[in-house]
PDB file of all heavy atoms in Angstrom:
ATOM      1  N   TRP A   1      -2.531   6.545  -5.985  1.00  0.00           N
ATOM      2  CA  TRP A   1      -3.462   6.597  -7.117  1.00  0.00           C
ATOM      3  C   TRP A   1      -2.760   6.284  -8.436  1.00  0.00           C
ATOM      4  O   TRP A   1      -3.318   5.587  -9.296  1.00  0.00           O
ATOM      5  CB  TRP A   1      -4.146   7.958  -7.186  1.00  0.00           C
ATOM      6  CG  TRP A   1      -5.310   8.085  -6.265  1.00  0.00           C
ATOM      7  CD1 TRP A   1      -5.482   8.983  -5.245  1.00  0.00           C
ATOM      8  CD2 TRP A   1      -6.504   7.285  -6.281  1.00  0.00           C
ATOM      9  NE1 TRP A   1      -6.682   8.787  -4.617  1.00  0.00           N
ATOM     10  CE2 TRP A   1      -7.339   7.753  -5.237  1.00  0.00           C
ATOM     11  CE3 TRP A   1      -6.946   6.218  -7.065  1.00  0.00           C
ATOM     12  CZ2 TRP A   1      -8.584   7.193  -4.971  1.00  0.00           C
ATOM     13  CZ3 TRP A   1      -8.187   5.656  -6.798  1.00  0.00           C
ATOM     14  CH2 TRP A   1      -8.990   6.148  -5.759  1.00  0.00           C
ATOM     15  N   ASP A   2      -1.539   6.789  -8.598  1.00  0.00           N
ATOM     16  CA  ASP A   2      -0.799   6.485  -9.828  1.00  0.00           C
ATOM     17  C   ASP A   2      -0.622   4.977  -9.995  1.00  0.00           C
ATOM     18  O   ASP A   2      -0.796   4.430 -11.096  1.00  0.00           O
ATOM     19  CB  ASP A   2       0.573   7.159  -9.799  1.00  0.00           C
ATOM     20  CG  ASP A   2       0.506   8.663 -10.018  1.00  0.00           C
ATOM     21  OD1 ASP A   2      -0.565   9.152 -10.440  1.00  0.00           O
ATOM     22  OD2 ASP A   2       1.516   9.344  -9.760  1.00  0.00           O
ATOM     23  N   GLU A   3      -0.279   4.299  -8.890  1.00  0.00           N
ATOM     24  CA  GLU A   3      -0.053   2.850  -8.960  1.00  0.00           C
ATOM     25  C   GLU A   3      -1.362   2.098  -9.182  1.00  0.00           C
ATOM     26  O   GLU A   3      -1.409   1.122  -9.949  1.00  0.00           O
ATOM     27  CB  GLU A   3       0.636   2.372  -7.683  1.00  0.00           C
ATOM     28  CG  GLU A   3       1.137   0.940  -7.738  1.00  0.00           C
ATOM     29  CD  GLU A   3       2.274   0.739  -8.727  1.00  0.00           C
ATOM     30  OE1 GLU A   3       2.949   1.726  -9.086  1.00  0.00           O
ATOM     31  OE2 GLU A   3       2.500  -0.417  -9.150  1.00  0.00           O
ATOM     32  N   LEU A   4      -2.432   2.529  -8.515  1.00  0.00           N
ATOM     33  CA  LEU A   4      -3.728   1.878  -8.707  1.00  0.00           C
ATOM     34  C   LEU A   4      -4.191   1.996 -10.159  1.00  0.00           C
ATOM     35  O   LEU A   4      -4.625   1.007 -10.761  1.00  0.00           O
ATOM     36  CB  LEU A   4      -4.769   2.500  -7.765  1.00  0.00           C
ATOM     37  CG  LEU A   4      -4.738   2.034  -6.315  1.00  0.00           C
ATOM     38  CD1 LEU A   4      -5.580   2.955  -5.440  1.00  0.00           C
ATOM     39  CD2 LEU A   4      -5.236   0.596  -6.186  1.00  0.00           C
ATOM     40  N   VAL A   5      -4.114   3.178 -10.707  1.00  0.00           N
ATOM     41  CA  VAL A   5      -4.551   3.377 -12.087  1.00  0.00           C
ATOM     42  C   VAL A   5      -3.666   2.591 -13.046  1.00  0.00           C
ATOM     43  O   VAL A   5      -4.150   1.964 -14.000  1.00  0.00           O
ATOM     44  CB  VAL A   5      -4.545   4.875 -12.439  1.00  0.00           C
ATOM     45  CG1 VAL A   5      -4.793   5.079 -13.931  1.00  0.00           C
ATOM     46  CG2 VAL A   5      -5.613   5.613 -11.624  1.00  0.00           C
ATOM     47  N   LEU A   6      -2.359   2.571 -12.794  1.00  0.00           N
ATOM     48  CA  LEU A   6      -1.437   1.822 -13.649  1.00  0.00           C
ATOM     49  C   LEU A   6      -1.781   0.342 -13.672  1.00  0.00           C
ATOM     50  O   LEU A   6      -1.791  -0.295 -14.736  1.00  0.00           O
ATOM     51  CB  LEU A   6      -0.007   2.022 -13.157  1.00  0.00           C
ATOM     52  CG  LEU A   6       1.086   1.240 -13.903  1.00  0.00           C
ATOM     53  CD1 LEU A   6       1.161   1.689 -15.359  1.00  0.00           C
ATOM     54  CD2 LEU A   6       2.432   1.418 -13.209  1.00  0.00           C
ATOM     55  N   ARG A   7      -2.068  -0.222 -12.508  1.00  0.00           N
ATOM     56  CA  ARG A   7      -2.350  -1.661 -12.435  1.00  0.00           C
ATOM     57  C   ARG A   7      -3.754  -2.015 -12.917  1.00  0.00           C
ATOM     58  O   ARG A   7      -3.982  -3.137 -13.399  1.00  0.00           O
ATOM     59  CB  ARG A   7      -2.173  -2.168 -11.001  1.00  0.00           C
ATOM     60  CG  ARG A   7      -0.752  -2.070 -10.477  1.00  0.00           C
ATOM     61  CD  ARG A   7      -0.622  -2.790  -9.141  1.00  0.00           C
ATOM     62  NE  ARG A   7       0.629  -2.446  -8.459  1.00  0.00           N
ATOM     63  CZ  ARG A   7       1.020  -2.971  -7.303  1.00  0.00           C
ATOM     64  NH1 ARG A   7       0.264  -3.885  -6.702  1.00  0.00           N
ATOM     65  NH2 ARG A   7       2.157  -2.588  -6.741  1.00  0.00           N
ATOM     66  N   MET A   8      -4.728  -1.097 -12.783  1.00  0.00           N
ATOM     67  CA  MET A   8      -6.119  -1.465 -12.985  1.00  0.00           C
ATOM     68  C   MET A   8      -6.712  -0.976 -14.297  1.00  0.00           C
ATOM     69  O   MET A   8      -7.750  -1.486 -14.730  1.00  0.00           O
ATOM     70  CB  MET A   8      -6.975  -0.953 -11.822  1.00  0.00           C
ATOM     71  CG  MET A   8      -6.530  -1.472 -10.455  1.00  0.00           C
ATOM     72  SD  MET A   8      -7.775  -1.286  -9.175  1.00  0.00           S
ATOM     73  CE  MET A   8      -8.865  -2.649  -9.576  1.00  0.00           C
ATOM     74  N   ARG A   9      -6.107  -0.002 -14.963  1.00  0.00           N
ATOM     75  CA  ARG A   9      -6.694   0.502 -16.206  1.00  0.00           C
ATOM     76  C   ARG A   9      -6.771  -0.615 -17.246  1.00  0.00           C
ATOM     77  O   ARG A   9      -5.809  -1.341 -17.474  1.00  0.00           O
ATOM     78  CB  ARG A   9      -5.869   1.665 -16.752  1.00  0.00           C
ATOM     79  CG  ARG A   9      -6.492   2.265 -18.026  1.00  0.00           C
ATOM     80  CD  ARG A   9      -5.565   3.272 -18.685  1.00  0.00           C
ATOM     81  NE  ARG A   9      -5.490   4.506 -17.912  1.00  0.00           N
ATOM     82  CZ  ARG A   9      -4.356   5.028 -17.441  1.00  0.00           C
ATOM     83  NH1 ARG A   9      -3.201   4.401 -17.665  1.00  0.00           N
ATOM     84  NH2 ARG A   9      -4.352   6.150 -16.773  1.00  0.00           N
ATOM     85  N   THR A  10      -7.922  -0.743 -17.894  1.00  0.00           N
ATOM     86  CA  THR A  10      -8.124  -1.796 -18.889  1.00  0.00           C
ATOM     87  C   THR A  10      -8.014  -1.225 -20.300  1.00  0.00           C
ATOM     88  O   THR A  10      -8.015  -0.006 -20.507  1.00  0.00           O
ATOM     89  CB  THR A  10      -9.494  -2.468 -18.716  1.00  0.00           C
ATOM     90  OG1 THR A  10     -10.518  -1.482 -18.882  1.00  0.00           O
ATOM     91  CG2 THR A  10      -9.624  -3.088 -17.338  1.00  0.00           C
ATOM     92  N   CYS A  11      -7.958  -2.123 -21.271  1.00  0.00           N
ATOM     93  CA  CYS A  11      -7.768  -1.698 -22.654  1.00  0.00           C
ATOM     94  C   CYS A  11      -8.959  -0.923 -23.191  1.00  0.00           C
ATOM     95  O   CYS A  11      -8.829  -0.185 -24.183  1.00  0.00           O
ATOM     96  CB  CYS A  11      -7.476  -2.907 -23.538  1.00  0.00           C
ATOM     97  SG  CYS A  11      -8.794  -4.138 -23.566  1.00  0.00           S
ATOM     98  N   ASP A  12     -10.146  -1.068 -22.576  1.00  0.00           N
ATOM     99  CA  ASP A  12     -11.311  -0.303 -23.030  1.00  0.00           C
ATOM    100  C   ASP A  12     -11.445   1.026 -22.304  1.00  0.00           C
ATOM    101  O   ASP A  12     -12.442   1.737 -22.459  1.00  0.00           O
ATOM    102  CB  ASP A  12     -12.593  -1.126 -22.877  1.00  0.00           C
ATOM    103  CG  ASP A  12     -12.905  -1.481 -21.427  1.00  0.00           C
ATOM    104  OD1 ASP A  12     -12.152  -1.054 -20.521  1.00  0.00           O
ATOM    105  OD2 ASP A  12     -13.901  -2.186 -21.189  1.00  0.00           O
ATOM    106  N   GLY A  13     -10.436   1.372 -21.469  1.00  0.00           N
ATOM    107  CA  GLY A  13     -10.416   2.681 -20.837  1.00  0.00           C
ATOM    108  C   GLY A  13     -10.952   2.733 -19.426  1.00  0.00           C
ATOM    109  O   GLY A  13     -10.901   3.782 -18.778  1.00  0.00           O
ATOM    110  N   TRP A  14     -11.464   1.595 -18.882  1.00  0.00           N
ATOM    111  CA  TRP A  14     -11.976   1.634 -17.510  1.00  0.00           C
ATOM    112  C   TRP A  14     -10.835   1.825 -16.521  1.00  0.00           C
ATOM    113  O   TRP A  14      -9.738   1.279 -16.698  1.00  0.00           O
ATOM    114  CB  TRP A  14     -12.705   0.332 -17.152  1.00  0.00           C
ATOM    115  CG  TRP A  14     -13.220   0.370 -15.733  1.00  0.00           C
ATOM    116  CD1 TRP A  14     -14.425   0.841 -15.311  1.00  0.00           C
ATOM    117  CD2 TRP A  14     -12.535  -0.058 -14.554  1.00  0.00           C
ATOM    118  NE1 TRP A  14     -14.528   0.739 -13.945  1.00  0.00           N
ATOM    119  CE2 TRP A  14     -13.388   0.196 -13.448  1.00  0.00           C
ATOM    120  CE3 TRP A  14     -11.274  -0.616 -14.326  1.00  0.00           C
ATOM    121  CZ2 TRP A  14     -13.024  -0.107 -12.144  1.00  0.00           C
ATOM    122  CZ3 TRP A  14     -10.909  -0.910 -13.016  1.00  0.00           C
ATOM    123  CH2 TRP A  14     -11.766  -0.659 -11.934  1.00  0.00           C
ATOM    124  N   GLN A  15     -11.096   2.578 -15.463  1.00  0.00           N
ATOM    125  CA  GLN A  15     -10.157   2.720 -14.362  1.00  0.00           C
ATOM    126  C   GLN A  15     -10.937   3.187 -13.136  1.00  0.00           C
ATOM    127  O   GLN A  15     -12.052   3.702 -13.269  1.00  0.00           O
ATOM    128  CB  GLN A  15      -9.053   3.717 -14.689  1.00  0.00           C
ATOM    129  CG  GLN A  15      -9.526   5.157 -14.834  1.00  0.00           C
ATOM    130  CD  GLN A  15      -8.382   6.097 -15.146  1.00  0.00           C
ATOM    131  OE1 GLN A  15      -7.573   5.838 -16.036  1.00  0.00           O
ATOM    132  NE2 GLN A  15      -8.294   7.194 -14.398  1.00  0.00           N
ATOM    133  N   PRO A  16     -10.418   2.985 -11.944  1.00  0.00           N
ATOM    134  CA  PRO A  16     -11.126   3.443 -10.759  1.00  0.00           C
ATOM    135  C   PRO A  16     -11.221   4.961 -10.718  1.00  0.00           C
ATOM    136  O   PRO A  16     -10.318   5.674 -11.173  1.00  0.00           O
ATOM    137  CB  PRO A  16     -10.277   2.903  -9.605  1.00  0.00           C
ATOM    138  CG  PRO A  16      -8.921   2.717 -10.179  1.00  0.00           C
ATOM    139  CD  PRO A  16      -9.144   2.317 -11.606  1.00  0.00           C
ATOM    140  N   THR A  17     -12.321   5.465 -10.178  1.00  0.00           N
ATOM    141  CA  THR A  17     -12.493   6.898  -9.993  1.00  0.00           C
ATOM    142  C   THR A  17     -11.542   7.393  -8.910  1.00  0.00           C
ATOM    143  O   THR A  17     -11.446   6.804  -7.836  1.00  0.00           O
ATOM    144  CB  THR A  17     -13.940   7.220  -9.589  1.00  0.00           C
ATOM    145  OG1 THR A  17     -14.826   6.689 -10.577  1.00  0.00           O
ATOM    146  CG2 THR A  17     -14.154   8.716  -9.468  1.00  0.00           C
ATOM    147  N   VAL A  18     -10.830   8.460  -9.195  1.00  0.00           N
ATOM    148  CA  VAL A  18      -9.858   9.026  -8.262  1.00  0.00           C
ATOM    149  C   VAL A  18     -10.533  10.068  -7.378  1.00  0.00           C
ATOM    150  O   VAL A  18     -11.371  10.847  -7.846  1.00  0.00           O
ATOM    151  CB  VAL A  18      -8.678   9.660  -9.032  1.00  0.00           C
ATOM    152  CG1 VAL A  18      -7.708  10.354  -8.077  1.00  0.00           C
ATOM    153  CG2 VAL A  18      -7.956   8.600  -9.853  1.00  0.00           C
ATOM    154  N   GLY A  19     -10.177  10.079  -6.088  1.00  0.00           N
ATOM    155  CA  GLY A  19     -10.736  11.055  -5.160  1.00  0.00           C
ATOM    156  C   GLY A  19      -9.872  11.171  -3.926  1.00  0.00           C
ATOM    157  O   GLY A  19      -8.886  10.429  -3.768  1.00  0.00           O
ATOM    158  N   PRO A  20     -10.208  12.079  -3.016  1.00  0.00           N
ATOM    159  CA  PRO A  20      -9.420  12.268  -1.795  1.00  0.00           C
ATOM    160  C   PRO A  20      -9.358  10.983  -0.962  1.00  0.00           C
ATOM    161  O   PRO A  20     -10.374  10.314  -0.743  1.00  0.00           O
ATOM    162  CB  PRO A  20     -10.181  13.370  -1.043  1.00  0.00           C
ATOM    163  CG  PRO A  20     -10.972  14.074  -2.093  1.00  0.00           C
ATOM    164  CD  PRO A  20     -11.333  13.039  -3.098  1.00  0.00           C
ATOM    165  N   ILE A  21      -8.168  10.626  -0.488  1.00  0.00           N
ATOM    166  CA  ILE A  21      -7.982   9.451   0.366  1.00  0.00           C
ATOM    167  C   ILE A  21      -8.224   9.860   1.819  1.00  0.00           C
ATOM    168  O   ILE A  21      -7.593  10.794   2.329  1.00  0.00           O
ATOM    169  CB  ILE A  21      -6.568   8.864   0.184  1.00  0.00           C
ATOM    170  CG1 ILE A  21      -6.397   8.320  -1.237  1.00  0.00           C
ATOM    171  CG2 ILE A  21      -6.303   7.757   1.208  1.00  0.00           C
ATOM    172  CD1 ILE A  21      -4.995   7.830  -1.555  1.00  0.00           C
ATOM    173  N   ILE A  22      -9.146   9.173   2.487  1.00  0.00           N
ATOM    174  CA  ILE A  22      -9.486   9.532   3.868  1.00  0.00           C
ATOM    175  C   ILE A  22      -8.929   8.533   4.886  1.00  0.00           C
ATOM    176  O   ILE A  22      -8.984   8.778   6.087  1.00  0.00           O
ATOM    177  CB  ILE A  22     -11.011   9.662   4.045  1.00  0.00           C
ATOM    178  CG1 ILE A  22     -11.733   8.371   3.638  1.00  0.00           C
ATOM    179  CG2 ILE A  22     -11.531  10.830   3.236  1.00  0.00           C
ATOM    180  CD1 ILE A  22     -13.247   8.418   3.832  1.00  0.00           C
ATOM    181  N   GLN A  23      -8.387   7.424   4.405  1.00  0.00           N
ATOM    182  CA  GLN A  23      -7.774   6.435   5.313  1.00  0.00           C
ATOM    183  C   GLN A  23      -6.833   5.559   4.504  1.00  0.00           C
ATOM    184  O   GLN A  23      -7.157   5.192   3.363  1.00  0.00           O
ATOM    185  CB  GLN A  23      -8.849   5.570   5.975  1.00  0.00           C
ATOM    186  CG  GLN A  23      -8.327   4.572   6.983  1.00  0.00           C
ATOM    187  CD  GLN A  23      -9.434   3.657   7.480  1.00  0.00           C
ATOM    188  OE1 GLN A  23      -9.701   2.599   6.922  1.00  0.00           O
ATOM    189  NE2 GLN A  23     -10.122   4.096   8.523  1.00  0.00           N
ATOM    190  N   LYS A  24      -5.669   5.226   5.070  1.00  0.00           N
ATOM    191  CA  LYS A  24      -4.756   4.317   4.389  1.00  0.00           C
ATOM    192  C   LYS A  24      -3.911   3.578   5.408  1.00  0.00           C
ATOM    193  O   LYS A  24      -3.559   4.114   6.455  1.00  0.00           O
ATOM    194  CB  LYS A  24      -3.868   5.064   3.388  1.00  0.00           C
ATOM    195  CG  LYS A  24      -3.011   6.187   3.970  1.00  0.00           C
ATOM    196  CD  LYS A  24      -2.228   6.891   2.859  1.00  0.00           C
ATOM    197  CE  LYS A  24      -1.406   8.062   3.393  1.00  0.00           C
ATOM    198  NZ  LYS A  24      -0.647   8.750   2.307  1.00  0.00           N
ATOM    199  N   SER A  25      -3.593   2.311   5.095  1.00  0.00           N
ATOM    200  CA  SER A  25      -2.808   1.483   6.000  1.00  0.00           C
ATOM    201  C   SER A  25      -2.269   0.292   5.226  1.00  0.00           C
ATOM    202  O   SER A  25      -2.727  -0.010   4.120  1.00  0.00           O
ATOM    203  CB  SER A  25      -3.648   0.992   7.183  1.00  0.00           C
ATOM    204  OG  SER A  25      -4.725   0.185   6.729  1.00  0.00           O
ATOM    205  N   VAL A  26      -1.286  -0.414   5.810  1.00  0.00           N
ATOM    206  CA  VAL A  26      -0.733  -1.641   5.239  1.00  0.00           C
ATOM    207  C   VAL A  26      -1.042  -2.800   6.177  1.00  0.00           C
ATOM    208  O   VAL A  26      -0.770  -2.726   7.384  1.00  0.00           O
ATOM    209  CB  VAL A  26       0.785  -1.533   5.016  1.00  0.00           C
ATOM    210  CG1 VAL A  26       1.356  -2.873   4.551  1.00  0.00           C
ATOM    211  CG2 VAL A  26       1.105  -0.441   4.001  1.00  0.00           C
ATOM    212  N   THR A  27      -1.616  -3.862   5.642  1.00  0.00           N
ATOM    213  CA  THR A  27      -1.984  -5.042   6.429  1.00  0.00           C
ATOM    214  C   THR A  27      -1.220  -6.255   5.914  1.00  0.00           C
ATOM    215  O   THR A  27      -1.350  -6.611   4.737  1.00  0.00           O
ATOM    216  CB  THR A  27      -3.494  -5.321   6.317  1.00  0.00           C
ATOM    217  OG1 THR A  27      -4.225  -4.171   6.766  1.00  0.00           O
ATOM    218  CG2 THR A  27      -3.875  -6.537   7.145  1.00  0.00           C
ATOM    219  N   PRO A  28      -0.398  -6.908   6.757  1.00  0.00           N
ATOM    220  CA  PRO A  28       0.276  -8.147   6.339  1.00  0.00           C
ATOM    221  C   PRO A  28      -0.744  -9.240   6.040  1.00  0.00           C
ATOM    222  O   PRO A  28      -1.853  -9.236   6.587  1.00  0.00           O
ATOM    223  CB  PRO A  28       1.156  -8.502   7.542  1.00  0.00           C
ATOM    224  CG  PRO A  28       1.263  -7.244   8.341  1.00  0.00           C
ATOM    225  CD  PRO A  28      -0.027  -6.512   8.124  1.00  0.00           C
ATOM    226  N   MET A  29      -0.367 -10.189   5.209  1.00  0.00           N
ATOM    227  CA  MET A  29      -1.253 -11.290   4.830  1.00  0.00           C
ATOM    228  C   MET A  29      -0.804 -12.565   5.512  1.00  0.00           C
ATOM    229  O   MET A  29       0.392 -12.897   5.500  1.00  0.00           O
ATOM    230  CB  MET A  29      -1.212 -11.489   3.314  1.00  0.00           C
ATOM    231  CG  MET A  29      -1.623 -10.271   2.520  1.00  0.00           C
ATOM    232  SD  MET A  29      -3.405 -10.129   2.389  1.00  0.00           S
ATOM    233  CE  MET A  29      -3.718 -11.313   1.093  1.00  0.00           C
ATOM    234  N   ARG A  30      -1.765 -13.298   6.096  1.00  0.00           N
ATOM    235  CA  ARG A  30      -1.406 -14.552   6.747  1.00  0.00           C
ATOM    236  C   ARG A  30      -2.611 -15.478   6.797  1.00  0.00           C
ATOM    237  O   ARG A  30      -3.755 -15.058   6.684  1.00  0.00           O
ATOM    238  CB  ARG A  30      -0.891 -14.309   8.169  1.00  0.00           C
ATOM    239  CG  ARG A  30      -1.939 -13.824   9.151  1.00  0.00           C
ATOM    240  CD  ARG A  30      -1.317 -13.614  10.525  1.00  0.00           C
ATOM    241  NE  ARG A  30      -2.290 -13.249  11.533  1.00  0.00           N
ATOM    242  CZ  ARG A  30      -2.723 -12.010  11.750  1.00  0.00           C
ATOM    243  NH1 ARG A  30      -2.291 -11.021  10.998  1.00  0.00           N
ATOM    244  NH2 ARG A  30      -3.615 -11.756  12.697  1.00  0.00           N
ATOM    245  N   SER A  31      -2.304 -16.767   6.967  1.00  0.00           N
ATOM    246  CA  SER A  31      -3.307 -17.796   7.252  1.00  0.00           C
ATOM    247  C   SER A  31      -3.012 -18.341   8.644  1.00  0.00           C
ATOM    248  O   SER A  31      -1.841 -18.533   9.001  1.00  0.00           O
ATOM    249  CB  SER A  31      -3.239 -18.923   6.222  1.00  0.00           C
ATOM    250  OG  SER A  31      -3.475 -18.444   4.923  1.00  0.00           O
ATOM    251  N   PHE A  32      -4.067 -18.614   9.419  1.00  0.00           N
ATOM    252  CA  PHE A  32      -3.888 -19.043  10.813  1.00  0.00           C
ATOM    253  C   PHE A  32      -5.056 -19.931  11.214  1.00  0.00           C
ATOM    254  O   PHE A  32      -6.213 -19.622  10.916  1.00  0.00           O
ATOM    255  CB  PHE A  32      -3.835 -17.801  11.717  1.00  0.00           C
ATOM    256  CG  PHE A  32      -3.827 -18.101  13.191  1.00  0.00           C
ATOM    257  CD1 PHE A  32      -2.629 -18.279  13.868  1.00  0.00           C
ATOM    258  CD2 PHE A  32      -5.010 -18.200  13.904  1.00  0.00           C
ATOM    259  CE1 PHE A  32      -2.616 -18.556  15.231  1.00  0.00           C
ATOM    260  CE2 PHE A  32      -5.014 -18.471  15.263  1.00  0.00           C
ATOM    261  CZ  PHE A  32      -3.809 -18.648  15.922  1.00  0.00           C
ATOM    262  N   VAL A  33      -4.734 -21.045  11.883  1.00  0.00           N
ATOM    263  CA  VAL A  33      -5.773 -21.928  12.428  1.00  0.00           C
ATOM    264  C   VAL A  33      -5.308 -22.441  13.778  1.00  0.00           C
ATOM    265  O   VAL A  33      -4.171 -22.919  13.919  1.00  0.00           O
ATOM    266  CB  VAL A  33      -6.065 -23.131  11.502  1.00  0.00           C
ATOM    267  CG1 VAL A  33      -7.133 -24.037  12.140  1.00  0.00           C
ATOM    268  CG2 VAL A  33      -6.523 -22.665  10.128  1.00  0.00           C
ATOM    269  N   ALA A  34      -6.172 -22.337  14.777  1.00  0.00           N
ATOM    270  CA  ALA A  34      -5.935 -22.917  16.099  1.00  0.00           C
ATOM    271  C   ALA A  34      -6.921 -24.069  16.291  1.00  0.00           C
ATOM    272  O   ALA A  34      -8.130 -23.899  16.114  1.00  0.00           O
ATOM    273  CB  ALA A  34      -6.128 -21.879  17.199  1.00  0.00           C
TER     274      ALA A  34
END
């Protein structure tokens, strides 16, 4: 949450609403065509 708010807070004060995290994971990024 600290990192999300740091990256997303705007100059007019908007930021994502913070709440309990119920799921989290890391997904690699790739492009693929067969």
